[in-house]
């Protein structure tokens, strides 16, 4: 679709072929205006450059590109995050992991976020609990650059490490370890559907059975947790029982928590 110069904001909203919310988001982003301006000045007209810019963004969305990558923005846990195609798009499901971590991080405690990606978990935790010492690691330098920008943007104090899981920790210990690791099995049909087609595959799938990263974290965490420290991991909708099994030998109070859709989304336990 192609908007024409002279089209009003109201006319653009009517002509754009996306759902109404995405139409508003793309218009505001392309024109650099607020939602209030969109509502209060519906008669404003687009010049040729503006019309072409809006049309180009709409075509990208129609091709399936996630709206968060198009705008470079995503809200998570009440904060604004910058996102690129180097990181997963933060999702509301993961807010459960942050809530559980906030509750279980002791005063002045040390927390570790493994595979931080955009930094959504670590930054949200550090923002809510400025008393805590939060460390976040990722194997991707590109992801760490995004995460650092988000920490600065939200004035959250986070220490970032370039690390392949536990390799750069050198014996450090924490009161709580959290992670939203790759947990989609190789060949899962969802990887070729929707937004997942555009997201970094290495952050989505372990290229195996979907449990290898969860196994690595569960097995390695005891060396980096204080006694009684918590390990909390997000996982797939059908993996809760298997993840509880991974924790059974070395952890106590093992349980799974359900997200807003009623799906067991996070499993964790305390180190014996």
Protein backbone atom coordinates (compact mmCIF):
# COMPACT_ATOMS: atom_id res chain seq x y z
CA UNK A 1 0.00 0.00 0.00
CA UNK A 2 1.16 3.57 -0.64
CA UNK A 3 -0.13 6.65 1.11
CA UNK A 4 -0.24 9.81 -0.93
CA UNK A 5 1.02 13.28 -0.04
CA UNK A 6 -1.83 15.32 1.39
CA UNK A 7 -3.35 12.40 3.26
CA UNK A 8 -4.51 13.47 6.71
CA UNK A 9 -3.59 11.64 9.89
CA UNK A 10 -7.19 10.47 10.16
CA UNK A 11 -7.09 9.29 6.57
CA UNK A 12 -3.79 7.47 7.13
CA UNK A 13 -5.23 5.64 10.11
CA UNK A 14 -8.19 4.57 8.00
CA UNK A 15 -6.06 3.45 5.05
CA UNK A 16 -3.26 1.58 6.81
CA UNK A 17 -3.98 -2.18 6.63
CA UNK A 18 -2.72 -3.19 10.07
CA UNK A 19 -4.67 -3.48 13.29
CA UNK A 20 -5.60 -0.09 14.80
CA UNK A 21 -2.97 -0.19 17.57
CA UNK A 22 -0.14 -0.98 15.15
CA UNK A 23 -1.38 1.73 12.77
CA UNK A 24 -1.08 4.27 15.58
CA UNK A 25 2.34 3.01 16.68
CA UNK A 26 3.80 3.16 13.16
CA UNK A 27 2.36 6.60 12.43
CA UNK A 28 3.72 8.07 15.64
CA UNK A 29 7.11 6.45 15.07
CA UNK A 30 7.42 7.48 11.41
CA UNK A 31 6.34 11.07 12.05
CA UNK A 32 8.01 11.55 15.43
CA UNK A 33 4.77 12.61 17.08
CA UNK A 34 3.02 11.59 20.27
CA UNK A 35 -0.20 9.65 20.49
CA UNK A 36 -1.83 12.78 21.90
CA UNK A 37 -0.84 14.73 18.78
CA UNK A 38 -2.25 11.95 16.62
CA UNK A 39 -5.59 12.25 18.38
CA UNK A 40 -5.79 16.03 18.71
CA UNK A 41 -4.67 16.97 15.19
CA UNK A 42 -6.38 14.45 12.88
CA UNK A 43 -6.53 17.08 10.12
CA UNK A 44 -2.74 17.38 9.82
CA UNK A 45 -1.55 16.32 6.37
CA UNK A 46 1.47 14.24 5.40
CA UNK A 47 4.04 15.55 2.94
CA UNK A 48 5.51 13.25 0.29
CA UNK A 49 8.48 12.11 2.40
CA UNK A 50 6.26 11.37 5.39
CA UNK A 51 3.77 9.43 3.32
CA UNK A 52 6.59 7.36 1.79
CA UNK A 53 8.11 6.71 5.22
CA UNK A 54 4.84 5.52 6.73
CA UNK A 55 4.13 3.34 3.68
CA UNK A 56 7.58 1.73 3.88
CA UNK A 57 7.14 0.86 7.55
CA UNK A 58 3.71 -0.60 6.88
CA UNK A 59 5.14 -2.79 4.11
CA UNK A 60 7.79 -4.12 6.50
CA UNK A 61 5.10 -5.03 9.00
CA UNK A 62 2.97 -6.65 6.31
CA UNK A 63 6.01 -8.77 5.43
CA UNK A 64 5.95 -10.05 9.02
CA UNK A 65 8.72 -8.03 10.64
CA UNK A 66 7.92 -7.53 14.35
CA UNK A 67 6.65 -4.10 15.28
CA UNK A 68 9.29 -3.90 18.04
CA UNK A 69 12.13 -4.26 15.52
CA UNK A 70 10.57 -1.68 13.21
CA UNK A 71 10.27 0.93 15.97
CA UNK A 72 13.26 -0.27 18.00
CA UNK A 73 11.18 -0.05 21.16
CA UNK A 74 9.37 -2.39 23.56
CA UNK A 75 7.79 -1.81 26.97
CA UNK A 76 8.58 -4.39 29.66
CA UNK A 77 7.86 -4.31 33.39
CA UNK A 78 6.83 -0.67 33.11
CA UNK A 79 10.14 0.37 31.52
CA UNK A 80 11.06 1.30 27.95
CA UNK A 81 13.61 -0.92 26.23
CA UNK A 82 15.57 -0.50 23.03
CA UNK A 83 15.54 -3.66 20.90
CA UNK A 84 17.33 -4.73 17.73
CA UNK A 85 17.37 -7.98 15.81
CA UNK A 86 20.39 -8.99 17.92
CA UNK A 87 18.09 -9.73 20.87
CA UNK A 88 14.79 -11.38 21.64
CA UNK A 89 11.78 -9.12 21.97
CA UNK A 90 10.86 -8.92 25.68
CA UNK A 91 7.50 -10.57 26.33
CA UNK A 92 4.95 -10.16 29.13
CA UNK A 93 5.35 -13.84 30.10
CA UNK A 94 8.87 -13.10 31.34
CA UNK A 95 7.62 -10.49 33.82
CA UNK A 96 6.70 -13.43 36.08
CA UNK A 97 10.39 -14.34 36.32
CA UNK A 98 11.25 -10.76 37.30
CA UNK A 99 8.52 -10.66 39.97
CA UNK A 100 9.76 -13.92 41.50
CA UNK A 101 13.36 -12.69 41.45
CA UNK A 102 12.46 -9.40 43.15
CA UNK A 103 10.71 -11.29 45.94
CA UNK A 104 13.57 -13.76 46.47
CA UNK A 105 16.58 -11.44 46.26
CA UNK A 106 17.67 -10.63 49.83
CA UNK A 107 18.49 -7.09 50.91
CA UNK A 108 21.91 -6.15 49.55
CA UNK A 109 21.87 -9.49 47.76
CA UNK A 110 23.74 -10.50 44.63
CA UNK A 111 21.75 -11.56 41.56
CA UNK A 112 22.88 -13.06 38.25
CA UNK A 113 20.94 -13.01 34.96
CA UNK A 114 22.26 -15.59 32.51
CA UNK A 115 21.79 -14.94 28.78
CA UNK A 116 20.57 -11.40 29.36
CA UNK A 117 19.80 -10.47 25.74
CA UNK A 118 18.22 -7.01 25.79
CA UNK A 119 18.84 -6.84 29.53
CA UNK A 120 15.11 -6.80 30.23
CA UNK A 121 15.33 -9.11 33.27
CA UNK A 122 18.51 -7.68 34.79
CA UNK A 123 17.57 -4.04 34.21
CA UNK A 124 14.05 -4.53 35.57
CA UNK A 125 15.42 -6.27 38.66
CA UNK A 126 18.09 -3.63 39.25
CA UNK A 127 15.58 -0.83 38.74
CA UNK A 128 13.15 -2.35 41.26
CA UNK A 129 15.86 -3.36 43.72
CA UNK A 130 18.63 -0.72 43.64
CA UNK A 131 20.03 -2.21 46.86
CA UNK A 132 20.99 -5.41 45.04
CA UNK A 133 24.14 -6.07 43.07
CA UNK A 134 22.98 -7.31 39.67
CA UNK A 135 25.29 -9.03 37.18
CA UNK A 136 24.18 -9.99 33.67
CA UNK A 137 26.04 -12.09 31.11
CA UNK A 138 25.65 -13.07 27.49
CA UNK A 139 27.78 -14.80 24.88
CA UNK A 140 26.73 -12.20 22.27
CA UNK A 141 28.64 -8.92 22.24
CA UNK A 142 25.88 -7.40 20.11
CA UNK A 143 23.29 -8.32 22.74
CA UNK A 144 25.45 -6.91 25.52
CA UNK A 145 25.69 -3.59 23.66
CA UNK A 146 21.87 -3.42 23.59
CA UNK A 147 21.65 -4.40 27.27
CA UNK A 148 24.16 -1.76 28.34
CA UNK A 149 22.19 0.88 26.47
CA UNK A 150 19.01 -0.22 28.25
CA UNK A 151 20.67 -0.08 31.66
CA UNK A 152 21.81 3.47 30.98
CA UNK A 153 18.42 4.43 29.59
CA UNK A 154 16.60 3.21 32.69
CA UNK A 155 19.28 4.34 35.15
CA UNK A 156 19.79 0.80 36.42
CA UNK A 157 23.10 -0.31 37.89
CA UNK A 158 24.06 -3.60 36.25
CA UNK A 159 27.47 -5.21 35.74
CA UNK A 160 27.72 -6.87 32.34
CA UNK A 161 29.99 -9.79 31.44
CA UNK A 162 30.79 -11.41 28.11
CA UNK A 163 30.51 -15.10 29.01
CA UNK A 164 29.50 -18.47 27.61
CA UNK A 165 27.28 -19.40 30.54
CA UNK A 166 29.46 -19.78 33.66
CA UNK A 167 32.88 -19.54 31.97
CA UNK A 168 33.75 -15.97 33.02
CA UNK A 169 32.48 -16.08 36.60
CA UNK A 170 35.67 -17.51 38.15
CA UNK A 171 34.12 -18.83 41.34
CA UNK A 172 31.80 -15.91 42.08
CA UNK A 173 28.69 -16.73 44.10
CA UNK A 174 25.24 -15.19 44.11
CA UNK A 175 22.09 -15.23 46.23
CA UNK A 176 19.91 -15.83 43.18
CA UNK A 177 20.43 -16.88 39.58
CA UNK A 178 17.75 -16.27 36.95
CA UNK A 179 17.62 -17.14 33.28
CA UNK A 180 15.37 -17.16 30.24
CA UNK A 181 17.56 -19.42 28.09
CA UNK A 182 16.95 -20.91 24.62
CA UNK A 183 14.35 -23.62 25.21
CA UNK A 184 12.62 -24.27 21.89
CA UNK A 185 13.55 -27.64 20.41
CA UNK A 186 15.28 -27.80 17.06
CA UNK A 187 12.78 -28.20 14.23
CA UNK A 188 9.84 -26.85 16.23
CA UNK A 189 7.31 -25.42 13.77
CA UNK A 190 6.97 -22.22 15.82
CA UNK A 191 10.49 -21.17 14.78
CA UNK A 192 9.21 -20.58 11.26
CA UNK A 193 6.08 -18.71 12.31
CA UNK A 194 5.22 -15.14 13.31
CA UNK A 195 7.77 -12.91 15.01
CA UNK A 196 10.08 -15.85 15.76
CA UNK A 197 11.13 -15.92 12.10
CA UNK A 198 12.92 -12.61 12.62
CA UNK A 199 14.40 -13.14 16.09
CA UNK A 200 17.94 -14.50 16.71
CA UNK A 201 17.65 -18.28 16.47
CA UNK A 202 20.47 -18.86 18.96
CA UNK A 203 18.42 -17.10 21.63
CA UNK A 204 15.33 -19.17 20.85
CA UNK A 205 16.55 -22.73 20.31
CA UNK A 206 19.39 -24.84 21.69
CA UNK A 207 19.47 -26.66 18.33
CA UNK A 208 18.74 -29.83 20.29
CA UNK A 209 15.87 -31.05 22.46
CA UNK A 210 15.11 -27.67 24.04
CA UNK A 211 16.50 -28.70 27.43
CA UNK A 212 20.27 -28.55 26.93
CA UNK A 213 20.70 -24.94 28.11
CA UNK A 214 18.39 -25.60 31.06
CA UNK A 215 20.50 -28.66 31.95
CA UNK A 216 23.71 -26.64 31.75
CA UNK A 217 22.37 -23.93 34.02
CA UNK A 218 20.84 -26.33 36.56
CA UNK A 219 24.06 -28.37 36.77
CA UNK A 220 26.43 -25.40 36.93
CA UNK A 221 24.49 -23.12 39.24
CA UNK A 222 25.36 -24.88 42.56
CA UNK A 223 28.99 -23.80 42.24
CA UNK A 224 27.84 -20.18 41.96
CA UNK A 225 25.00 -20.09 44.50
CA UNK A 226 25.28 -19.48 48.21
CA UNK A 227 23.70 -22.18 50.35
CA UNK A 228 19.93 -21.70 50.16
CA UNK A 229 20.28 -19.49 47.09
CA UNK A 230 17.55 -19.58 44.47
CA UNK A 231 17.72 -20.70 40.86
CA UNK A 232 14.78 -19.59 38.68
CA UNK A 233 14.44 -20.52 35.00
CA UNK A 234 11.84 -19.70 32.39
CA UNK A 235 10.94 -22.57 30.06
CA UNK A 236 8.45 -23.80 27.47
CA UNK A 237 4.77 -24.45 28.07
CA UNK A 238 5.29 -28.24 28.24
CA UNK A 239 8.67 -28.45 30.01
CA UNK A 240 7.84 -27.77 33.67
CA UNK A 241 7.90 -31.39 34.83
CA UNK A 242 11.18 -32.05 33.06
CA UNK A 243 12.79 -28.95 34.55
CA UNK A 244 11.60 -29.89 38.03
CA UNK A 245 13.33 -33.23 37.41
CA UNK A 246 16.58 -31.42 36.59
CA UNK A 247 16.45 -29.70 39.99
CA UNK A 248 15.31 -32.64 42.12
CA UNK A 249 18.74 -33.84 43.32
CA UNK A 250 20.48 -30.61 44.31
CA UNK A 251 17.64 -28.22 45.08
CA UNK A 252 14.79 -28.06 47.59
CA UNK A 253 11.44 -26.26 47.57
CA UNK A 254 11.31 -27.07 43.86
CA UNK A 255 8.16 -25.74 42.23
CA UNK A 256 6.72 -24.20 39.08
CA UNK A 257 4.80 -20.95 38.76
CA UNK A 258 2.07 -20.16 36.25
CA UNK A 259 1.93 -17.09 34.04
CA UNK A 260 -1.21 -15.02 33.40
CA UNK A 261 -2.38 -17.56 30.84
CA UNK A 262 -2.24 -20.29 33.47
CA UNK A 263 0.81 -21.97 31.90
CA UNK A 264 3.65 -23.27 34.07
CA UNK A 265 6.26 -20.80 32.83
CA UNK A 266 8.97 -20.60 35.53
CA UNK A 267 10.49 -23.37 37.61
CA UNK A 268 12.98 -22.98 40.43
CA UNK A 269 14.31 -24.17 43.74
CA UNK A 270 16.77 -23.37 46.55
CA UNK A 271 20.21 -24.95 46.72
CA UNK A 272 20.33 -27.62 49.42
